[in-house]
Amino acid sequence: MAIIHDGKEKRAGYLRWGLVPSWAKDEKIGYKMINARSETVHEKPSFKNLLARKRCLIIADSFYEWKKLAQGKQAKRIQVKKRKLFAFAGLWDKWVQDERELFTCTILTKDSNEYMQNIHHRMPIILPKNQEDEWIKPQKVKAAGAQQFLERIKVDPFTAYDVSEYVNAARNNDEKCIASLV
């Protein structure tokens, strides 16, 4: 689920994860654009204009990351400690080709905070509740200004636990994905 602001009101709906920019020749580019580095997003042609005018909230209750271990990787489910739902900072775009429309998005990431460093070197940007509306404000802002806003975000504390490899297959979408191994 995602939330955008259309200039008049907030709208909720589904965006496909994996950004397909409006100018792209092939929608397969979206497979390479699931995340965008917040540190350089204001400089990249693929993201610069979207950062200025097409920001979105991507609603979630958790996310997964894989911690490297000596014997392989361990999937972790990560949640914000004091919130059942939260919003990732995202960018979206509309792609049209041959009467086919796709509404797609990407999640902005940054270097991991102290908690996440133990799990992975990058993490998604999760907006504090009181800054969600500011992120999707409809007025156009300079890309550098939006990037500076992201730099000032303070992250709420996380909690994490081990989950099974079952979560590694995109076709799996049930309670087994969130079941603790302990």
C-alpha atoms as a PDB file:
ATOM      1  CA  MET A   1       0.000   0.000   0.000  1.00  0.00           C
ATOM      2  CA  ALA A   2       1.259   3.466  -0.826  1.00  0.00           C
ATOM      3  CA  ILE A   3       0.107   7.034  -0.279  1.00  0.00           C
ATOM      4  CA  ILE A   4       0.699   9.938  -2.639  1.00  0.00           C
ATOM      5  CA  HIS A   5      -0.588  13.503  -2.667  1.00  0.00           C
ATOM      6  CA  ASP A   6      -2.181  14.465  -5.981  1.00  0.00           C
ATOM      7  CA  GLY A   7      -2.090  18.212  -5.264  1.00  0.00           C
ATOM      8  CA  LYS A   8      -5.569  18.266  -3.756  1.00  0.00           C
ATOM      9  CA  GLU A   9      -5.671  15.317  -1.382  1.00  0.00           C
ATOM     10  CA  LYS A  10      -3.872  12.227  -0.234  1.00  0.00           C
ATOM     11  CA  ARG A  11      -4.636   9.067  -2.183  1.00  0.00           C
ATOM     12  CA  ALA A  12      -3.943   5.484  -1.161  1.00  0.00           C
ATOM     13  CA  GLY A  13      -3.453   2.628  -3.567  1.00  0.00           C
ATOM     14  CA  TYR A  14      -1.019   0.064  -4.854  1.00  0.00           C
ATOM     15  CA  LEU A  15       2.244   0.846  -6.574  1.00  0.00           C
ATOM     16  CA  ARG A  16       4.398  -1.882  -8.053  1.00  0.00           C
ATOM     17  CA  TRP A  17       7.760  -2.085  -6.316  1.00  0.00           C
ATOM     18  CA  GLY A  18      10.621  -1.447  -8.744  1.00  0.00           C
ATOM     19  CA  LEU A  19      10.614   2.013 -10.293  1.00  0.00           C
ATOM     20  CA  VAL A  20       9.951   2.244 -14.018  1.00  0.00           C
ATOM     21  CA  PRO A  21      10.618   5.898 -14.939  1.00  0.00           C
ATOM     22  CA  SER A  22       8.191   7.534 -17.361  1.00  0.00           C
ATOM     23  CA  TRP A  23      10.976   7.848 -19.964  1.00  0.00           C
ATOM     24  CA  ALA A  24      12.041   4.168 -19.824  1.00  0.00           C
ATOM     25  CA  LYS A  25      11.844   2.150 -23.036  1.00  0.00           C
ATOM     26  CA  ASP A  26      11.351  -1.165 -21.217  1.00  0.00           C
ATOM     27  CA  GLU A  27       9.536  -1.876 -17.963  1.00  0.00           C
ATOM     28  CA  LYS A  28      12.190  -4.453 -17.008  1.00  0.00           C
ATOM     29  CA  ILE A  29      14.333  -1.591 -15.718  1.00  0.00           C
ATOM     30  CA  GLY A  30      12.143  -1.744 -12.602  1.00  0.00           C
ATOM     31  CA  TYR A  31      13.864  -4.931 -11.453  1.00  0.00           C
ATOM     32  CA  LYS A  32      17.062  -2.908 -11.041  1.00  0.00           C
ATOM     33  CA  MET A  33      15.408   0.053  -9.312  1.00  0.00           C
ATOM     34  CA  ILE A  34      13.830  -1.337  -6.147  1.00  0.00           C
ATOM     35  CA  ASN A  35      15.939   0.938  -3.928  1.00  0.00           C
ATOM     36  CA  ALA A  36      17.545   4.350  -4.324  1.00  0.00           C
ATOM     37  CA  ARG A  37      20.468   5.642  -2.275  1.00  0.00           C
ATOM     38  CA  SER A  38      19.314   8.784  -0.466  1.00  0.00           C
ATOM     39  CA  GLU A  39      22.861  10.177  -0.393  1.00  0.00           C
ATOM     40  CA  THR A  40      23.002  10.501  -4.187  1.00  0.00           C
ATOM     41  CA  VAL A  41      19.335  10.438  -5.274  1.00  0.00           C
ATOM     42  CA  HIS A  42      19.306  14.220  -5.850  1.00  0.00           C
ATOM     43  CA  GLU A  43      22.110  13.837  -8.432  1.00  0.00           C
ATOM     44  CA  LYS A  44      20.788  10.880 -10.468  1.00  0.00           C
ATOM     45  CA  PRO A  45      18.748  11.607 -13.600  1.00  0.00           C
ATOM     46  CA  SER A  46      16.464   8.637 -12.868  1.00  0.00           C
ATOM     47  CA  PHE A  47      15.434  10.068  -9.505  1.00  0.00           C
ATOM     48  CA  LYS A  48      16.158  13.811  -9.403  1.00  0.00           C
ATOM     49  CA  ASN A  49      12.835  15.033 -10.855  1.00  0.00           C
ATOM     50  CA  LEU A  50      10.850  12.480  -8.854  1.00  0.00           C
ATOM     51  CA  LEU A  51      12.519  13.639  -5.647  1.00  0.00           C
ATOM     52  CA  ALA A  52      11.357  17.154  -6.443  1.00  0.00           C
ATOM     53  CA  ARG A  53       7.712  16.269  -7.181  1.00  0.00           C
ATOM     54  CA  LYS A  54       6.721  12.584  -6.850  1.00  0.00           C
ATOM     55  CA  ARG A  55       7.395  11.494  -3.288  1.00  0.00           C
ATOM     56  CA  CYS A  56       5.307   8.781  -1.657  1.00  0.00           C
ATOM     57  CA  LEU A  57       4.790   6.853   1.547  1.00  0.00           C
ATOM     58  CA  ILE A  58       5.103   3.084   1.303  1.00  0.00           C
ATOM     59  CA  ILE A  59       3.194   1.557   4.209  1.00  0.00           C
ATOM     60  CA  ALA A  60       4.509  -1.547   5.961  1.00  0.00           C
ATOM     61  CA  ASP A  61       4.466  -3.394   9.267  1.00  0.00           C
ATOM     62  CA  SER A  62       8.014  -4.774   8.884  1.00  0.00           C
ATOM     63  CA  PHE A  63      10.789  -5.468   6.426  1.00  0.00           C
ATOM     64  CA  TYR A  64      13.289  -8.268   5.899  1.00  0.00           C
ATOM     65  CA  GLU A  65      17.027  -8.260   5.746  1.00  0.00           C
ATOM     66  CA  TRP A  66      19.541 -11.086   5.519  1.00  0.00           C
ATOM     67  CA  LYS A  67      22.376 -11.139   8.036  1.00  0.00           C
ATOM     68  CA  LYS A  68      25.605 -12.709   6.769  1.00  0.00           C
ATOM     69  CA  LEU A  69      26.873 -15.528   8.979  1.00  0.00           C
ATOM     70  CA  ALA A  70      29.848 -17.856   8.666  1.00  0.00           C
ATOM     71  CA  GLN A  71      27.499 -20.645   7.491  1.00  0.00           C
ATOM     72  CA  GLY A  72      25.396 -18.521   5.137  1.00  0.00           C
ATOM     73  CA  LYS A  73      22.644 -15.940   5.649  1.00  0.00           C
ATOM     74  CA  GLN A  74      19.879 -15.653   8.224  1.00  0.00           C
ATOM     75  CA  ALA A  75      16.621 -13.891   7.292  1.00  0.00           C
ATOM     76  CA  LYS A  76      15.461 -11.328   9.854  1.00  0.00           C
ATOM     77  CA  ARG A  77      12.096  -9.637  10.213  1.00  0.00           C
ATOM     78  CA  ILE A  78      12.591  -6.063  11.366  1.00  0.00           C
ATOM     79  CA  GLN A  79       9.902  -3.913  12.936  1.00  0.00           C
ATOM     80  CA  VAL A  80       9.658  -0.439  14.443  1.00  0.00           C
ATOM     81  CA  LYS A  81       9.361  -1.058  18.190  1.00  0.00           C
ATOM     82  CA  LYS A  82       6.434   1.197  19.076  1.00  0.00           C
ATOM     83  CA  ARG A  83       4.458   1.276  15.808  1.00  0.00           C
ATOM     84  CA  LYS A  84       2.340  -1.415  14.193  1.00  0.00           C
ATOM     85  CA  LEU A  85       2.512   0.356  10.824  1.00  0.00           C
ATOM     86  CA  PHE A  86       5.083   2.780   9.471  1.00  0.00           C
ATOM     87  CA  ALA A  87       5.999   4.503   6.208  1.00  0.00           C
ATOM     88  CA  PHE A  88       9.099   4.134   4.100  1.00  0.00           C
ATOM     89  CA  ALA A  89      10.175   7.256   2.200  1.00  0.00           C
ATOM     90  CA  GLY A  90       9.623   6.486  -1.461  1.00  0.00           C
ATOM     91  CA  LEU A  91       9.501   7.887  -4.975  1.00  0.00           C
ATOM     92  CA  TRP A  92       6.931   6.965  -7.610  1.00  0.00           C
ATOM     93  CA  ASP A  93       6.274   7.415 -11.302  1.00  0.00           C
ATOM     94  CA  LYS A  94       3.732   6.588 -13.985  1.00  0.00           C
ATOM     95  CA  TRP A  95       4.938   4.725 -17.073  1.00  0.00           C
ATOM     96  CA  VAL A  96       2.786   4.508 -20.223  1.00  0.00           C
ATOM     97  CA  GLN A  97       3.524   2.475 -23.328  1.00  0.00           C
ATOM     98  CA  ASP A  98       1.096   1.204 -25.944  1.00  0.00           C
ATOM     99  CA  GLU A  99      -1.957   2.036 -23.804  1.00  0.00           C
ATOM    100  CA  ARG A 100      -0.431   0.157 -20.858  1.00  0.00           C
ATOM    101  CA  GLU A 101      -0.003   2.103 -17.603  1.00  0.00           C
ATOM    102  CA  LEU A 102       2.193   1.159 -14.667  1.00  0.00           C
ATOM    103  CA  PHE A 103       2.430   3.012 -11.385  1.00  0.00           C
ATOM    104  CA  THR A 104       5.703   2.037  -9.729  1.00  0.00           C
ATOM    105  CA  CYS A 105       7.858   3.026  -6.773  1.00  0.00           C
ATOM    106  CA  THR A 106      11.256   2.721  -5.152  1.00  0.00           C
ATOM    107  CA  ILE A 107      12.271   2.829  -1.492  1.00  0.00           C
ATOM    108  CA  LEU A 108      14.940   5.275  -0.368  1.00  0.00           C
ATOM    109  CA  THR A 109      17.817   3.839   1.666  1.00  0.00           C
ATOM    110  CA  LYS A 110      20.716   5.125   3.741  1.00  0.00           C
ATOM    111  CA  ASP A 111      23.675   3.817   5.693  1.00  0.00           C
ATOM    112  CA  SER A 112      22.546   1.641   8.586  1.00  0.00           C
ATOM    113  CA  ASN A 113      22.132   3.032  12.061  1.00  0.00           C
ATOM    114  CA  GLU A 114      23.898   1.410  15.010  1.00  0.00           C
ATOM    115  CA  TYR A 115      21.175  -1.232  15.484  1.00  0.00           C
ATOM    116  CA  MET A 116      21.021  -2.250  11.828  1.00  0.00           C
ATOM    117  CA  GLN A 117      24.808  -2.332  11.280  1.00  0.00           C
ATOM    118  CA  ASN A 118      24.828  -5.726  12.987  1.00  0.00           C
ATOM    119  CA  ILE A 119      22.412  -7.011  10.334  1.00  0.00           C
ATOM    120  CA  HIS A 120      23.178  -5.120   7.100  1.00  0.00           C
ATOM    121  CA  HIS A 121      25.143  -2.059   5.938  1.00  0.00           C
ATOM    122  CA  ARG A 122      22.080  -0.327   4.390  1.00  0.00           C
ATOM    123  CA  MET A 123      18.555   0.285   5.647  1.00  0.00           C
ATOM    124  CA  PRO A 124      15.332   1.804   4.306  1.00  0.00           C
ATOM    125  CA  ILE A 125      14.418   5.302   5.414  1.00  0.00           C
ATOM    126  CA  ILE A 126      11.456   5.091   7.762  1.00  0.00           C
ATOM    127  CA  LEU A 127       9.712   8.381   8.350  1.00  0.00           C
ATOM    128  CA  PRO A 128       8.681   9.469  11.834  1.00  0.00           C
ATOM    129  CA  LYS A 129       4.869   9.694  11.974  1.00  0.00           C
ATOM    130  CA  ASN A 130       4.965  13.480  12.421  1.00  0.00           C
ATOM    131  CA  GLN A 131       7.036  13.942   9.220  1.00  0.00           C
ATOM    132  CA  GLU A 132       5.045  11.766   6.813  1.00  0.00           C
ATOM    133  CA  ASP A 133       2.826  14.610   5.553  1.00  0.00           C
ATOM    134  CA  GLU A 134       5.836  16.870   5.101  1.00  0.00           C
ATOM    135  CA  TRP A 135       7.487  14.218   2.885  1.00  0.00           C
ATOM    136  CA  ILE A 136       4.556  13.978   0.467  1.00  0.00           C
ATOM    137  CA  LYS A 137       3.594  17.668   0.444  1.00  0.00           C
ATOM    138  CA  PRO A 138       2.368  18.444  -3.064  1.00  0.00           C
ATOM    139  CA  GLN A 139       4.464  21.543  -3.713  1.00  0.00           C
ATOM    140  CA  LYS A 140       7.492  21.102  -5.878  1.00  0.00           C
ATOM    141  CA  VAL A 141      10.753  21.353  -3.966  1.00  0.00           C
ATOM    142  CA  LYS A 142      14.320  21.331  -5.158  1.00  0.00           C
ATOM    143  CA  ALA A 143      15.746  17.826  -5.195  1.00  0.00           C
ATOM    144  CA  ALA A 144      18.636  18.905  -2.952  1.00  0.00           C
ATOM    145  CA  GLY A 145      16.145  20.246  -0.383  1.00  0.00           C
ATOM    146  CA  ALA A 146      14.263  16.948  -0.296  1.00  0.00           C
ATOM    147  CA  GLN A 147      17.564  15.080   0.061  1.00  0.00           C
ATOM    148  CA  GLN A 148      18.524  17.328   3.014  1.00  0.00           C
ATOM    149  CA  PHE A 149      15.148  16.568   4.619  1.00  0.00           C
ATOM    150  CA  LEU A 150      16.037  12.868   4.430  1.00  0.00           C
ATOM    151  CA  GLU A 151      19.411  13.471   6.072  1.00  0.00           C
ATOM    152  CA  ARG A 152      17.672  14.965   9.130  1.00  0.00           C
ATOM    153  CA  ILE A 153      15.359  11.968   9.700  1.00  0.00           C
ATOM    154  CA  LYS A 154      15.728  10.386  13.131  1.00  0.00           C
ATOM    155  CA  VAL A 155      14.927   6.673  13.235  1.00  0.00           C
ATOM    156  CA  ASP A 156      12.651   5.117  15.837  1.00  0.00           C
ATOM    157  CA  PRO A 157      14.115   2.052  17.615  1.00  0.00           C
ATOM    158  CA  PHE A 158      13.848  -1.322  15.867  1.00  0.00           C
ATOM    159  CA  THR A 159      13.344  -4.880  16.973  1.00  0.00           C
ATOM    160  CA  ALA A 160      14.260  -7.944  14.913  1.00  0.00           C
ATOM    161  CA  TYR A 161      13.952 -11.714  15.024  1.00  0.00           C
ATOM    162  CA  ASP A 162      14.974 -14.690  12.899  1.00  0.00           C
ATOM    163  CA  VAL A 163      12.526 -16.107  10.357  1.00  0.00           C
ATOM    164  CA  SER A 164      12.804 -19.153   8.121  1.00  0.00           C
ATOM    165  CA  GLU A 165      14.177 -19.319   4.587  1.00  0.00           C
ATOM    166  CA  TYR A 166      10.539 -19.657   3.506  1.00  0.00           C
ATOM    167  CA  VAL A 167      10.502 -15.857   3.222  1.00  0.00           C
ATOM    168  CA  ASN A 168      13.117 -16.021   0.431  1.00  0.00           C
ATOM    169  CA  ALA A 169      10.528 -16.955  -2.230  1.00  0.00           C
ATOM    170  CA  ALA A 170       8.341 -14.094  -3.483  1.00  0.00           C
ATOM    171  CA  ARG A 171       5.487 -16.555  -4.122  1.00  0.00           C
ATOM    172  CA  ASN A 172       5.252 -17.174  -0.344  1.00  0.00           C
ATOM    173  CA  ASN A 173       2.933 -14.648   1.256  1.00  0.00           C
ATOM    174  CA  ASP A 174       1.403 -16.084   4.412  1.00  0.00           C
ATOM    175  CA  GLU A 175       1.907 -16.363   8.177  1.00  0.00           C
ATOM    176  CA  LYS A 176       4.959 -18.614   7.764  1.00  0.00           C
ATOM    177  CA  CYS A 177       6.869 -15.552   6.502  1.00  0.00           C
ATOM    178  CA  ILE A 178       6.560 -13.826   9.881  1.00  0.00           C
ATOM    179  CA  ALA A 179       6.809 -16.862  12.178  1.00  0.00           C
ATOM    180  CA  SER A 180       9.714 -16.602  14.598  1.00  0.00           C
ATOM    181  CA  LEU A 181      12.263 -19.412  14.539  1.00  0.00           C
ATOM    182  CA  VAL A 182      12.543 -19.242  18.329  1.00  0.00           C
END
